[in-house]
Protein backbone atom coordinates (compact mmCIF):
# COMPACT_ATOMS: atom_id res chain seq x y z
CA MET A 1 104.85 -19.38 241.86
CA ARG A 2 108.30 -18.37 240.70
CA LEU A 3 108.86 -15.97 237.83
CA GLU A 4 111.76 -16.20 235.49
CA PRO A 5 114.18 -13.27 235.91
CA SER A 6 113.16 -11.75 232.57
CA ALA A 7 109.46 -11.88 233.46
CA TYR A 8 110.19 -10.39 236.89
CA GLN A 9 112.16 -7.60 235.23
CA ARG A 10 109.29 -6.85 232.81
CA SER A 11 106.89 -6.73 235.74
CA ALA A 12 109.19 -4.35 237.61
CA TYR A 13 109.50 -2.08 234.55
CA PHE A 14 105.72 -2.05 234.18
CA ALA A 15 105.35 -1.04 237.83
CA LEU A 16 107.98 1.68 237.35
CA ILE A 17 106.20 3.11 234.30
CA ALA A 18 102.88 3.02 236.18
CA LEU A 19 104.50 4.85 239.12
CA ILE A 20 105.89 7.52 236.80
CA GLY A 21 102.39 7.87 235.35
CA ILE A 22 100.87 8.36 238.79
CA ILE A 23 103.50 10.97 239.65
CA ILE A 24 102.65 12.89 236.47
CA THR A 25 98.88 12.62 236.98
CA GLY A 26 99.29 13.52 240.65
CA ALA A 27 101.12 16.66 239.59
CA ALA A 28 98.32 17.41 237.14
CA VAL A 29 95.76 17.01 239.94
CA ARG A 30 97.72 19.41 242.12
CA LEU A 31 98.49 22.00 239.43
CA THR A 32 94.93 22.12 238.10
CA ASN A 33 93.29 22.09 241.56
CA SER A 34 91.41 18.94 240.58
CA GLY A 35 91.77 17.32 243.99
CA LEU A 36 88.11 18.01 244.68
CA GLY A 37 87.02 16.96 241.19
CA CYS A 38 85.45 13.95 242.88
CA ASP A 39 83.72 14.49 246.20
CA ASP A 40 83.58 10.88 247.35
CA TRP A 41 85.77 7.79 247.58
CA PRO A 42 85.88 5.26 245.93
CA ASN A 43 83.03 6.53 243.78
CA CYS A 44 83.47 9.88 242.12
CA ASN A 45 80.05 10.93 243.36
CA SER A 46 77.00 9.31 244.89
CA GLU A 47 75.70 8.21 241.49
CA LYS A 48 78.72 7.05 239.47
CA LEU A 49 81.92 5.14 240.10
CA ILE A 50 83.62 6.86 237.17
CA ASP A 51 82.55 10.35 236.19
CA VAL A 52 84.34 12.33 233.50
CA SER A 53 81.67 14.97 233.01
CA SER A 54 84.12 17.75 233.89
CA ALA A 55 87.84 18.22 233.27
CA HIS A 56 88.60 18.23 237.00
CA ALA A 57 86.71 14.99 237.56
CA ALA A 58 88.44 13.37 234.58
CA ILE A 59 91.91 14.33 235.84
CA GLU A 60 91.09 13.02 239.31
CA GLN A 61 89.67 9.78 237.87
CA VAL A 62 92.75 9.09 235.74
CA ASN A 63 94.92 9.57 238.82
CA ARG A 64 92.76 7.18 240.86
CA LEU A 65 92.70 4.55 238.11
CA LEU A 66 96.48 4.67 237.71
CA THR A 67 96.79 4.16 241.46
CA GLY A 68 94.86 0.92 241.01
CA VAL A 69 97.19 -0.14 238.19
CA VAL A 70 100.22 0.48 240.45
CA VAL A 71 98.68 -1.57 243.25
CA VAL A 72 97.97 -4.50 240.93
CA ALA A 73 101.42 -4.35 239.31
CA VAL A 74 103.28 -4.27 242.62
CA ALA A 75 101.06 -6.89 244.26
CA ASP A 76 101.51 -9.21 241.28
CA LYS A 77 105.28 -8.83 241.45
CA GLU A 78 105.31 -9.34 245.21
CA ASN A 79 103.14 -12.46 245.02
CA ALA A 80 105.51 -13.98 242.48
CA HIS A 81 108.54 -13.48 244.73
CA ASP A 82 109.53 -16.44 246.89
CA PRO A 83 111.68 -15.18 249.79
CA ARG A 84 113.22 -18.64 250.25
CA ASP A 85 115.00 -18.40 246.89
């Protein structure tokens, strides 16, 4: 599948914005000591995939979810690129 240059550019901008978001939420995780807000991976705890019952868990969850958005955005852009072109 080949993307038009304008669609490829939109996809790249989306990935950039998502990366900026993960940098900001990563800083929030670090500055608020929320790195242990979730004690398990990929679930937040043994009972729930997403748990926002505390502020630390919510900050950690937003950071994890944005990581998933970045992965999807970059993978989508990469899959659309044909190296033979």
